[in-house]
């Protein structure tokens, strides 16, 4: 995992991730999820390409079911883009890199 990607849990999501200045893309995932595993390396690449513009956070829904429920995550992977702690966009399902880049470019 790159220095531009951070692992989150319920406490760090509410604390560090959403209180920080700027924009963070939070990936709600689980280890058993095939599409989540397909998206993971793409998110790593994007973390490097968008360094300084967007941080990438990952939260395992098996370990943090309350947080997933709090944000209405019922399908994974779900990626929620937050700016200054507020949700600004959401993407559900595994997207190829060009589509994820377009999602980020349209919302940052």
PDB file of N, CA and C in Angstrom:
ATOM      1  N   UNK A   1       0.843  -1.177   0.000  1.00  0.00           N
ATOM      2  CA  UNK A   1       0.000   0.000   0.000  1.00  0.00           C
ATOM      3  C   UNK A   1       0.895   1.249   0.000  1.00  0.00           C
ATOM      4  N   UNK A   2       0.540   2.241  -0.792  1.00  0.00           N
ATOM      5  CA  UNK A   2       1.368   3.440  -0.921  1.00  0.00           C
ATOM      6  C   UNK A   2       1.148   4.404   0.240  1.00  0.00           C
ATOM      7  N   UNK A   3       2.031   5.392   0.339  1.00  0.00           N
ATOM      8  CA  UNK A   3       1.880   6.387   1.404  1.00  0.00           C
ATOM      9  C   UNK A   3       0.688   7.295   1.159  1.00  0.00           C
ATOM     10  N   UNK A   4       0.122   7.249  -0.027  1.00  0.00           N
ATOM     11  CA  UNK A   4      -1.057   8.058  -0.336  1.00  0.00           C
ATOM     12  C   UNK A   4      -2.360   7.319  -0.055  1.00  0.00           C
ATOM     13  N   UNK A   5      -2.262   6.070   0.402  1.00  0.00           N
ATOM     14  CA  UNK A   5      -3.440   5.280   0.742  1.00  0.00           C
ATOM     15  C   UNK A   5      -3.422   5.013   2.238  1.00  0.00           C
ATOM     16  N   UNK A   6      -4.563   5.214   2.886  1.00  0.00           N
ATOM     17  CA  UNK A   6      -4.634   4.994   4.325  1.00  0.00           C
ATOM     18  C   UNK A   6      -5.730   3.976   4.643  1.00  0.00           C
ATOM     19  N   UNK A   7      -5.434   3.094   5.597  1.00  0.00           N
ATOM     20  CA  UNK A   7      -6.437   2.144   6.077  1.00  0.00           C
ATOM     21  C   UNK A   7      -7.243   2.849   7.163  1.00  0.00           C
ATOM     22  N   UNK A   8      -8.553   2.700   7.091  1.00  0.00           N
ATOM     23  CA  UNK A   8      -9.436   3.371   8.026  1.00  0.00           C
ATOM     24  C   UNK A   8     -10.237   2.362   8.833  1.00  0.00           C
ATOM     25  N   UNK A   9     -10.715   2.811   9.977  1.00  0.00           N
ATOM     26  CA  UNK A   9     -11.729   2.083  10.725  1.00  0.00           C
ATOM     27  C   UNK A   9     -12.781   3.117  11.120  1.00  0.00           C
ATOM     28  N   UNK A  10     -13.786   2.710  11.861  1.00  0.00           N
ATOM     29  CA  UNK A  10     -14.856   3.633  12.203  1.00  0.00           C
ATOM     30  C   UNK A  10     -14.357   4.891  12.895  1.00  0.00           C
ATOM     31  N   UNK A  11     -13.442   4.726  13.844  1.00  0.00           N
ATOM     32  CA  UNK A  11     -12.935   5.881  14.602  1.00  0.00           C
ATOM     33  C   UNK A  11     -12.092   6.799  13.726  1.00  0.00           C
ATOM     34  N   UNK A  12     -11.168   6.233  12.946  1.00  0.00           N
ATOM     35  CA  UNK A  12     -10.307   7.091  12.122  1.00  0.00           C
ATOM     36  C   UNK A  12     -11.100   7.723  10.984  1.00  0.00           C
ATOM     37  N   UNK A  13     -12.148   7.052  10.529  1.00  0.00           N
ATOM     38  CA  UNK A  13     -12.992   7.624   9.479  1.00  0.00           C
ATOM     39  C   UNK A  13     -13.626   8.914   9.986  1.00  0.00           C
ATOM     40  N   UNK A  14     -14.210   8.846  11.164  1.00  0.00           N
ATOM     41  CA  UNK A  14     -14.868  10.022  11.730  1.00  0.00           C
ATOM     42  C   UNK A  14     -13.854  11.055  12.201  1.00  0.00           C
ATOM     43  N   UNK A  15     -12.712  10.584  12.646  1.00  0.00           N
ATOM     44  CA  UNK A  15     -11.709  11.492  13.169  1.00  0.00           C
ATOM     45  C   UNK A  15     -10.852  12.083  12.073  1.00  0.00           C
ATOM     46  N   UNK A  16      -9.790  11.379  11.755  1.00  0.00           N
ATOM     47  CA  UNK A  16      -8.782  11.894  10.834  1.00  0.00           C
ATOM     48  C   UNK A  16      -9.303  12.113   9.421  1.00  0.00           C
ATOM     49  N   UNK A  17      -9.943  11.108   8.869  1.00  0.00           N
ATOM     50  CA  UNK A  17     -10.284  11.147   7.446  1.00  0.00           C
ATOM     51  C   UNK A  17     -11.249  12.274   7.108  1.00  0.00           C
ATOM     52  N   UNK A  18     -12.309  12.404   7.863  1.00  0.00           N
ATOM     53  CA  UNK A  18     -13.329  13.371   7.480  1.00  0.00           C
ATOM     54  C   UNK A  18     -13.093  14.767   8.047  1.00  0.00           C
ATOM     55  N   UNK A  19     -12.172  14.895   8.982  1.00  0.00           N
ATOM     56  CA  UNK A  19     -11.891  16.223   9.528  1.00  0.00           C
ATOM     57  C   UNK A  19     -10.731  16.900   8.819  1.00  0.00           C
ATOM     58  N   UNK A  20     -10.029  16.149   8.002  1.00  0.00           N
ATOM     59  CA  UNK A  20      -8.871  16.739   7.336  1.00  0.00           C
ATOM     60  C   UNK A  20      -9.318  17.701   6.238  1.00  0.00           C
ATOM     61  N   UNK A  21      -8.457  18.626   5.946  1.00  0.00           N
ATOM     62  CA  UNK A  21      -8.706  19.540   4.835  1.00  0.00           C
ATOM     63  C   UNK A  21      -8.543  18.779   3.533  1.00  0.00           C
ATOM     64  N   UNK A  22      -9.284  19.145   2.539  1.00  0.00           N
ATOM     65  CA  UNK A  22      -9.099  18.544   1.234  1.00  0.00           C
ATOM     66  C   UNK A  22     -10.101  17.447   0.936  1.00  0.00           C
ATOM     67  N   UNK A  23      -9.716  16.594  -0.001  1.00  0.00           N
ATOM     68  CA  UNK A  23     -10.611  15.592  -0.557  1.00  0.00           C
ATOM     69  C   UNK A  23     -10.056  14.197  -0.297  1.00  0.00           C
ATOM     70  N   UNK A  24     -10.951  13.277   0.073  1.00  0.00           N
ATOM     71  CA  UNK A  24     -10.566  11.884   0.288  1.00  0.00           C
ATOM     72  C   UNK A  24     -11.603  10.984  -0.371  1.00  0.00           C
ATOM     73  N   UNK A  25     -11.114   9.976  -1.080  1.00  0.00           N
ATOM     74  CA  UNK A  25     -11.959   8.943  -1.667  1.00  0.00           C
ATOM     75  C   UNK A  25     -11.879   7.739  -0.739  1.00  0.00           C
ATOM     76  N   UNK A  26     -13.018   7.343  -0.175  1.00  0.00           N
ATOM     77  CA  UNK A  26     -13.046   6.208   0.742  1.00  0.00           C
ATOM     78  C   UNK A  26     -13.654   5.012   0.025  1.00  0.00           C
ATOM     79  N   UNK A  27     -12.863   3.938  -0.034  1.00  0.00           N
ATOM     80  CA  UNK A  27     -13.265   2.686  -0.665  1.00  0.00           C
ATOM     81  C   UNK A  27     -13.790   1.749   0.419  1.00  0.00           C
ATOM     82  N   UNK A  28     -15.087   1.429   0.360  1.00  0.00           N
ATOM     83  CA  UNK A  28     -15.691   0.455   1.255  1.00  0.00           C
ATOM     84  C   UNK A  28     -15.548  -0.907   0.571  1.00  0.00           C
ATOM     85  N   UNK A  29     -14.847  -1.839   1.208  1.00  0.00           N
ATOM     86  CA  UNK A  29     -14.470  -3.102   0.576  1.00  0.00           C
ATOM     87  C   UNK A  29     -14.492  -4.243   1.594  1.00  0.00           C
ATOM     88  N   UNK A  30     -14.264  -5.460   1.097  1.00  0.00           N
ATOM     89  CA  UNK A  30     -14.094  -6.641   1.951  1.00  0.00           C
ATOM     90  C   UNK A  30     -13.114  -7.588   1.255  1.00  0.00           C
ATOM     91  N   UNK A  31     -12.342  -8.349   2.040  1.00  0.00           N
ATOM     92  CA  UNK A  31     -11.331  -9.233   1.454  1.00  0.00           C
ATOM     93  C   UNK A  31     -11.920 -10.322   0.551  1.00  0.00           C
ATOM     94  N   UNK A  32     -13.127 -10.752   0.797  1.00  0.00           N
ATOM     95  CA  UNK A  32     -13.749 -11.830   0.024  1.00  0.00           C
ATOM     96  C   UNK A  32     -14.382 -11.334  -1.284  1.00  0.00           C
ATOM     97  N   UNK A  33     -14.403 -10.035  -1.501  1.00  0.00           N
ATOM     98  CA  UNK A  33     -15.089  -9.416  -2.641  1.00  0.00           C
ATOM     99  C   UNK A  33     -14.160  -9.376  -3.865  1.00  0.00           C
ATOM    100  N   UNK A  34     -14.489 -10.168  -4.886  1.00  0.00           N
ATOM    101  CA  UNK A  34     -13.683 -10.211  -6.107  1.00  0.00           C
ATOM    102  C   UNK A  34     -13.561  -8.863  -6.787  1.00  0.00           C
ATOM    103  N   UNK A  35     -14.669  -8.152  -7.029  1.00  0.00           N
ATOM    104  CA  UNK A  35     -14.560  -6.830  -7.648  1.00  0.00           C
ATOM    105  C   UNK A  35     -13.725  -5.849  -6.818  1.00  0.00           C
ATOM    106  N   UNK A  36     -13.783  -5.979  -5.490  1.00  0.00           N
ATOM    107  CA  UNK A  36     -12.967  -5.107  -4.624  1.00  0.00           C
ATOM    108  C   UNK A  36     -11.482  -5.367  -4.866  1.00  0.00           C
ATOM    109  N   UNK A  37     -11.132  -6.646  -5.014  1.00  0.00           N
ATOM    110  CA  UNK A  37      -9.729  -7.005  -5.264  1.00  0.00           C
ATOM    111  C   UNK A  37      -9.279  -6.505  -6.636  1.00  0.00           C
ATOM    112  N   UNK A  38     -10.208  -6.456  -7.601  1.00  0.00           N
ATOM    113  CA  UNK A  38      -9.861  -5.944  -8.933  1.00  0.00           C
ATOM    114  C   UNK A  38      -9.608  -4.435  -8.898  1.00  0.00           C
ATOM    115  N   UNK A  39     -10.351  -3.716  -8.092  1.00  0.00           N
ATOM    116  CA  UNK A  39     -10.239  -2.256  -8.020  1.00  0.00           C
ATOM    117  C   UNK A  39      -9.029  -1.817  -7.192  1.00  0.00           C
ATOM    118  N   UNK A  40      -8.609  -2.631  -6.237  1.00  0.00           N
ATOM    119  CA  UNK A  40      -7.533  -2.240  -5.314  1.00  0.00           C
ATOM    120  C   UNK A  40      -6.262  -1.751  -6.013  1.00  0.00           C
ATOM    121  N   UNK A  41      -5.703  -2.476  -7.001  1.00  0.00           N
ATOM    122  CA  UNK A  41      -4.480  -1.970  -7.636  1.00  0.00           C
ATOM    123  C   UNK A  41      -4.716  -0.683  -8.429  1.00  0.00           C
ATOM    124  N   UNK A  42      -5.901  -0.519  -8.964  1.00  0.00           N
ATOM    125  CA  UNK A  42      -6.231   0.716  -9.689  1.00  0.00           C
ATOM    126  C   UNK A  42      -6.244   1.894  -8.715  1.00  0.00           C
ATOM    127  N   UNK A  43      -6.815   1.684  -7.537  1.00  0.00           N
ATOM    128  CA  UNK A  43      -6.827   2.751  -6.531  1.00  0.00           C
ATOM    129  C   UNK A  43      -5.417   3.100  -6.082  1.00  0.00           C
ATOM    130  N   UNK A  44      -4.555   2.085  -5.980  1.00  0.00           N
ATOM    131  CA  UNK A  44      -3.151   2.347  -5.629  1.00  0.00           C
ATOM    132  C   UNK A  44      -2.488   3.236  -6.683  1.00  0.00           C
ATOM    133  N   UNK A  45      -2.736   2.930  -7.951  1.00  0.00           N
ATOM    134  CA  UNK A  45      -2.166   3.753  -9.032  1.00  0.00           C
ATOM    135  C   UNK A  45      -2.707   5.177  -8.961  1.00  0.00           C
ATOM    136  N   UNK A  46      -4.004   5.300  -8.759  1.00  0.00           N
ATOM    137  CA  UNK A  46      -4.620   6.626  -8.699  1.00  0.00           C
ATOM    138  C   UNK A  46      -4.138   7.417  -7.483  1.00  0.00           C
ATOM    139  N   UNK A  47      -3.847   6.713  -6.381  1.00  0.00           N
ATOM    140  CA  UNK A  47      -3.329   7.399  -5.192  1.00  0.00           C
ATOM    141  C   UNK A  47      -2.035   8.134  -5.527  1.00  0.00           C
ATOM    142  N   UNK A  48      -1.193   7.493  -6.331  1.00  0.00           N
ATOM    143  CA  UNK A  48       0.048   8.141  -6.748  1.00  0.00           C
ATOM    144  C   UNK A  48      -0.198   9.254  -7.751  1.00  0.00           C
ATOM    145  N   UNK A  49      -1.065   9.002  -8.722  1.00  0.00           N
ATOM    146  CA  UNK A  49      -1.332   9.985  -9.775  1.00  0.00           C
ATOM    147  C   UNK A  49      -2.046  11.232  -9.244  1.00  0.00           C
ATOM    148  N   UNK A  50      -2.845  11.063  -8.216  1.00  0.00           N
ATOM    149  CA  UNK A  50      -3.619  12.191  -7.673  1.00  0.00           C
ATOM    150  C   UNK A  50      -3.048  12.694  -6.347  1.00  0.00           C
ATOM    151  N   UNK A  51      -1.806  12.298  -6.038  1.00  0.00           N
ATOM    152  CA  UNK A  51      -1.161  12.747  -4.801  1.00  0.00           C
ATOM    153  C   UNK A  51      -1.192  14.276  -4.734  1.00  0.00           C
ATOM    154  N   UNK A  52      -1.569  14.787  -3.577  1.00  0.00           N
ATOM    155  CA  UNK A  52      -1.671  16.230  -3.402  1.00  0.00           C
ATOM    156  C   UNK A  52      -3.053  16.768  -3.746  1.00  0.00           C
ATOM    157  N   UNK A  53      -3.849  15.977  -4.477  1.00  0.00           N
ATOM    158  CA  UNK A  53      -5.211  16.396  -4.830  1.00  0.00           C
ATOM    159  C   UNK A  53      -6.262  15.598  -4.073  1.00  0.00           C
ATOM    160  N   UNK A  54      -6.029  14.278  -3.986  1.00  0.00           N
ATOM    161  CA  UNK A  54      -6.990  13.374  -3.350  1.00  0.00           C
ATOM    162  C   UNK A  54      -6.230  12.328  -2.556  1.00  0.00           C
ATOM    163  N   UNK A  55      -6.656  12.073  -1.327  1.00  0.00           N
ATOM    164  CA  UNK A  55      -6.151  10.937  -0.565  1.00  0.00           C
ATOM    165  C   UNK A  55      -7.091   9.769  -0.821  1.00  0.00           C
ATOM    166  N   UNK A  56      -6.566   8.573  -0.728  1.00  0.00           N
ATOM    167  CA  UNK A  56      -7.370   7.370  -0.883  1.00  0.00           C
ATOM    168  C   UNK A  56      -7.412   6.664   0.465  1.00  0.00           C
ATOM    169  N   UNK A  57      -8.604   6.391   0.945  1.00  0.00           N
ATOM    170  CA  UNK A  57      -8.791   5.648   2.191  1.00  0.00           C
ATOM    171  C   UNK A  57      -9.541   4.363   1.905  1.00  0.00           C
ATOM    172  N   UNK A  58      -9.256   3.329   2.685  1.00  0.00           N
ATOM    173  CA  UNK A  58      -9.926   2.040   2.517  1.00  0.00           C
ATOM    174  C   UNK A  58     -10.496   1.627   3.863  1.00  0.00           C
ATOM    175  N   UNK A  59     -11.763   1.169   3.850  1.00  0.00           N
ATOM    176  CA  UNK A  59     -12.374   0.699   5.083  1.00  0.00           C
ATOM    177  C   UNK A  59     -13.016  -0.665   4.834  1.00  0.00           C
ATOM    178  N   UNK A  60     -12.591  -1.642   5.615  1.00  0.00           N
ATOM    179  CA  UNK A  60     -13.070  -3.014   5.500  1.00  0.00           C
ATOM    180  C   UNK A  60     -14.441  -3.092   6.177  1.00  0.00           C
ATOM    181  N   UNK A  61     -15.487  -3.398   5.395  1.00  0.00           N
ATOM    182  CA  UNK A  61     -16.839  -3.395   5.955  1.00  0.00           C
ATOM    183  C   UNK A  61     -17.077  -4.566   6.901  1.00  0.00           C
ATOM    184  N   UNK A  62     -16.318  -5.665   6.758  1.00  0.00           N
ATOM    185  CA  UNK A  62     -16.471  -6.786   7.688  1.00  0.00           C
ATOM    186  C   UNK A  62     -16.018  -6.389   9.088  1.00  0.00           C
ATOM    187  N   UNK A  63     -14.987  -5.563   9.160  1.00  0.00           N
ATOM    188  CA  UNK A  63     -14.453  -5.126  10.454  1.00  0.00           C
ATOM    189  C   UNK A  63     -15.166  -3.880  10.971  1.00  0.00           C
ATOM    190  N   UNK A  64     -15.897  -3.187  10.095  1.00  0.00           N
ATOM    191  CA  UNK A  64     -16.557  -1.924  10.454  1.00  0.00           C
ATOM    192  C   UNK A  64     -17.981  -1.866   9.904  1.00  0.00           C
ATOM    193  N   UNK A  65     -18.835  -2.842  10.278  1.00  0.00           N
ATOM    194  CA  UNK A  65     -20.187  -2.865   9.710  1.00  0.00           C
ATOM    195  C   UNK A  65     -21.026  -1.650  10.095  1.00  0.00           C
ATOM    196  N   UNK A  66     -20.789  -1.091  11.284  1.00  0.00           N
ATOM    197  CA  UNK A  66     -21.566   0.080  11.715  1.00  0.00           C
ATOM    198  C   UNK A  66     -21.270   1.281  10.822  1.00  0.00           C
ATOM    199  N   UNK A  67     -20.018   1.435  10.449  1.00  0.00           N
ATOM    200  CA  UNK A  67     -19.630   2.565   9.591  1.00  0.00           C
ATOM    201  C   UNK A  67     -20.236   2.401   8.203  1.00  0.00           C
ATOM    202  N   UNK A  68     -20.206   1.180   7.678  1.00  0.00           N
ATOM    203  CA  UNK A  68     -20.822   0.931   6.374  1.00  0.00           C
ATOM    204  C   UNK A  68     -22.311   1.255   6.424  1.00  0.00           C
ATOM    205  N   UNK A  69     -22.985   0.826   7.479  1.00  0.00           N
ATOM    206  CA  UNK A  69     -24.417   1.108   7.622  1.00  0.00           C
ATOM    207  C   UNK A  69     -24.671   2.604   7.764  1.00  0.00           C
ATOM    208  N   UNK A  70     -23.820   3.278   8.511  1.00  0.00           N
ATOM    209  CA  UNK A  70     -23.974   4.721   8.723  1.00  0.00           C
ATOM    210  C   UNK A  70     -23.952   5.484   7.398  1.00  0.00           C
ATOM    211  N   UNK A  71     -23.150   5.015   6.445  1.00  0.00           N
ATOM    212  CA  UNK A  71     -23.046   5.689   5.148  1.00  0.00           C
ATOM    213  C   UNK A  71     -23.923   5.034   4.074  1.00  0.00           C
ATOM    214  N   UNK A  72     -24.797   4.121   4.481  1.00  0.00           N
ATOM    215  CA  UNK A  72     -25.740   3.521   3.548  1.00  0.00           C
ATOM    216  C   UNK A  72     -25.093   2.642   2.499  1.00  0.00           C
ATOM    217  N   UNK A  73     -23.982   2.002   2.854  1.00  0.00           N
ATOM    218  CA  UNK A  73     -23.285   1.131   1.913  1.00  0.00           C
ATOM    219  C   UNK A  73     -23.921  -0.251   1.963  1.00  0.00           C
ATOM    220  N   UNK A  74     -24.561  -0.652   0.862  1.00  0.00           N
ATOM    221  CA  UNK A  74     -25.200  -1.962   0.811  1.00  0.00           C
ATOM    222  C   UNK A  74     -24.583  -2.862  -0.263  1.00  0.00           C
ATOM    223  N   UNK A  75     -23.777  -2.300  -1.146  1.00  0.00           N
ATOM    224  CA  UNK A  75     -23.058  -3.057  -2.167  1.00  0.00           C
ATOM    225  C   UNK A  75     -21.601  -2.626  -2.148  1.00  0.00           C
ATOM    226  N   UNK A  76     -20.725  -3.582  -2.429  1.00  0.00           N
ATOM    227  CA  UNK A  76     -19.308  -3.223  -2.490  1.00  0.00           C
ATOM    228  C   UNK A  76     -18.728  -3.712  -3.805  1.00  0.00           C
ATOM    229  N   UNK A  77     -17.711  -3.059  -4.313  1.00  0.00           N
ATOM    230  CA  UNK A  77     -17.107  -1.866  -3.722  1.00  0.00           C
ATOM    231  C   UNK A  77     -17.989  -0.622  -3.905  1.00  0.00           C
ATOM    232  N   UNK A  78     -18.010   0.194  -2.873  1.00  0.00           N
ATOM    233  CA  UNK A  78     -18.617   1.518  -2.943  1.00  0.00           C
ATOM    234  C   UNK A  78     -17.523   2.510  -2.616  1.00  0.00           C
ATOM    235  N   UNK A  79     -17.384   3.527  -3.453  1.00  0.00           N
ATOM    236  CA  UNK A  79     -16.398   4.571  -3.224  1.00  0.00           C
ATOM    237  C   UNK A  79     -17.133   5.886  -3.016  1.00  0.00           C
ATOM    238  N   UNK A  80     -16.857   6.512  -1.879  1.00  0.00           N
ATOM    239  CA  UNK A  80     -17.484   7.788  -1.557  1.00  0.00           C
ATOM    240  C   UNK A  80     -16.400   8.845  -1.512  1.00  0.00           C
ATOM    241  N   UNK A  81     -16.645   9.931  -2.227  1.00  0.00           N
ATOM    242  CA  UNK A  81     -15.708  11.048  -2.271  1.00  0.00           C
ATOM    243  C   UNK A  81     -16.196  12.112  -1.294  1.00  0.00           C
ATOM    244  N   UNK A  82     -15.319  12.476  -0.362  1.00  0.00           N
ATOM    245  CA  UNK A  82     -15.628  13.493   0.640  1.00  0.00           C
ATOM    246  C   UNK A  82     -14.737  14.702   0.430  1.00  0.00           C
ATOM    247  N   UNK A  83     -15.298  15.881   0.575  1.00  0.00           N
ATOM    248  CA  UNK A  83     -14.515  17.115   0.586  1.00  0.00           C
ATOM    249  C   UNK A  83     -14.869  17.858   1.865  1.00  0.00           C
ATOM    250  N   UNK A  84     -13.835  18.181   2.635  1.00  0.00           N
ATOM    251  CA  UNK A  84     -14.005  18.887   3.910  1.00  0.00           C
ATOM    252  C   UNK A  84     -15.021  18.166   4.796  1.00  0.00           C
ATOM    253  N   UNK A  85     -15.032  16.824   4.732  1.00  0.00           N
ATOM    254  CA  UNK A  85     -15.895  16.027   5.590  1.00  0.00           C
ATOM    255  C   UNK A  85     -17.304  15.797   5.080  1.00  0.00           C
ATOM    256  N   UNK A  86     -17.652  16.339   3.929  1.00  0.00           N
ATOM    257  CA  UNK A  86     -19.003  16.187   3.373  1.00  0.00           C
ATOM    258  C   UNK A  86     -18.951  15.315   2.119  1.00  0.00           C
ATOM    259  N   UNK A  87     -19.920  14.396   1.999  1.00  0.00           N
ATOM    260  CA  UNK A  87     -19.991  13.559   0.804  1.00  0.00           C
ATOM    261  C   UNK A  87     -20.338  14.428  -0.396  1.00  0.00           C
ATOM    262  N   UNK A  88     -19.527  14.295  -1.465  1.00  0.00           N
ATOM    263  CA  UNK A  88     -19.805  15.063  -2.683  1.00  0.00           C
ATOM    264  C   UNK A  88     -20.131  14.165  -3.873  1.00  0.00           C
ATOM    265  N   UNK A  89     -19.744  12.876  -3.805  1.00  0.00           N
ATOM    266  CA  UNK A  89     -20.042  11.967  -4.912  1.00  0.00           C
ATOM    267  C   UNK A  89     -19.888  10.533  -4.427  1.00  0.00           C
ATOM    268  N   UNK A  90     -20.541   9.619  -5.151  1.00  0.00           N
ATOM    269  CA  UNK A  90     -20.513   8.202  -4.790  1.00  0.00           C
ATOM    270  C   UNK A  90     -20.497   7.368  -6.061  1.00  0.00           C
ATOM    271  N   UNK A  91     -19.715   6.290  -6.023  1.00  0.00           N
ATOM    272  CA  UNK A  91     -19.653   5.351  -7.133  1.00  0.00           C
ATOM    273  C   UNK A  91     -19.798   3.946  -6.561  1.00  0.00           C
ATOM    274  N   UNK A  92     -20.669   3.150  -7.166  1.00  0.00           N
ATOM    275  CA  UNK A  92     -20.908   1.787  -6.690  1.00  0.00           C
ATOM    276  C   UNK A  92     -20.507   0.816  -7.793  1.00  0.00           C
ATOM    277  N   UNK A  93     -19.723  -0.191  -7.399  1.00  0.00           N
ATOM    278  CA  UNK A  93     -19.294  -1.208  -8.345  1.00  0.00           C
ATOM    279  C   UNK A  93     -17.857  -0.990  -8.787  1.00  0.00           C
ATOM    280  N   UNK A  94     -17.297  -2.044  -9.362  1.00  0.00           N
ATOM    281  CA  UNK A  94     -15.917  -1.992  -9.845  1.00  0.00           C
ATOM    282  C   UNK A  94     -15.885  -1.256 -11.175  1.00  0.00           C
ATOM    283  N   UNK A  95     -15.100  -0.214 -11.226  1.00  0.00           N
ATOM    284  CA  UNK A  95     -14.943   0.564 -12.455  1.00  0.00           C
ATOM    285  C   UNK A  95     -13.524   0.393 -12.979  1.00  0.00           C
ATOM    286  N   UNK A  96     -13.351   0.404 -14.299  1.00  0.00           N
ATOM    287  CA  UNK A  96     -11.989   0.389 -14.844  1.00  0.00           C
ATOM    288  C   UNK A  96     -11.311   1.733 -14.569  1.00  0.00           C
ATOM    289  N   UNK A  97     -10.006   1.739 -14.694  1.00  0.00           N
ATOM    290  CA  UNK A  97      -9.228   2.940 -14.375  1.00  0.00           C
ATOM    291  C   UNK A  97      -9.723   4.190 -15.107  1.00  0.00           C
ATOM    292  N   UNK A  98      -9.993   4.141 -16.415  1.00  0.00           N
ATOM    293  CA  UNK A  98     -10.452   5.371 -17.087  1.00  0.00           C
ATOM    294  C   UNK A  98     -11.750   5.924 -16.484  1.00  0.00           C
ATOM    295  N   UNK A  99     -12.653   5.036 -16.084  1.00  0.00           N
ATOM    296  CA  UNK A  99     -13.917   5.487 -15.498  1.00  0.00           C
ATOM    297  C   UNK A  99     -13.693   6.070 -14.102  1.00  0.00           C
ATOM    298  N   UNK A 100     -12.791   5.479 -13.323  1.00  0.00           N
ATOM    299  CA  UNK A 100     -12.483   6.037 -12.004  1.00  0.00           C
ATOM    300  C   UNK A 100     -11.806   7.397 -12.127  1.00  0.00           C
ATOM    301  N   UNK A 101     -10.912   7.527 -13.119  1.00  0.00           N
ATOM    302  CA  UNK A 101     -10.268   8.823 -13.349  1.00  0.00           C
ATOM    303  C   UNK A 101     -11.317   9.875 -13.721  1.00  0.00           C
ATOM    304  N   UNK A 102     -12.245   9.508 -14.579  1.00  0.00           N
ATOM    305  CA  UNK A 102     -13.303  10.433 -14.978  1.00  0.00           C
ATOM    306  C   UNK A 102     -14.154  10.820 -13.773  1.00  0.00           C
ATOM    307  N   UNK A 103     -14.479   9.855 -12.923  1.00  0.00           N
ATOM    308  CA  UNK A 103     -15.237  10.113 -11.693  1.00  0.00           C
ATOM    309  C   UNK A 103     -14.503  11.135 -10.826  1.00  0.00           C
ATOM    310  N   UNK A 104     -13.200  10.923 -10.626  1.00  0.00           N
ATOM    311  CA  UNK A 104     -12.426  11.863  -9.823  1.00  0.00           C
ATOM    312  C   UNK A 104     -12.333  13.227 -10.487  1.00  0.00           C
ATOM    313  N   UNK A 105     -12.015  13.236 -11.780  1.00  0.00           N
ATOM    314  CA  UNK A 105     -11.844  14.504 -12.489  1.00  0.00           C
ATOM    315  C   UNK A 105     -13.117  15.348 -12.486  1.00  0.00           C
ATOM    316  N   UNK A 106     -14.266  14.698 -12.544  1.00  0.00           N
ATOM    317  CA  UNK A 106     -15.532  15.436 -12.555  1.00  0.00           C
ATOM    318  C   UNK A 106     -15.875  16.010 -11.183  1.00  0.00           C
ATOM    319  N   UNK A 107     -15.274  15.453 -10.128  1.00  0.00           N
ATOM    320  CA  UNK A 107     -15.701  15.819  -8.778  1.00  0.00           C
ATOM    321  C   UNK A 107     -14.659  16.511  -7.915  1.00  0.00           C
ATOM    322  N   UNK A 108     -13.428  16.658  -8.428  1.00  0.00           N
ATOM    323  CA  UNK A 108     -12.431  17.338  -7.583  1.00  0.00           C
ATOM    324  C   UNK A 108     -12.102  18.711  -8.144  1.00  0.00           C
TER     325      UNK A 108
END
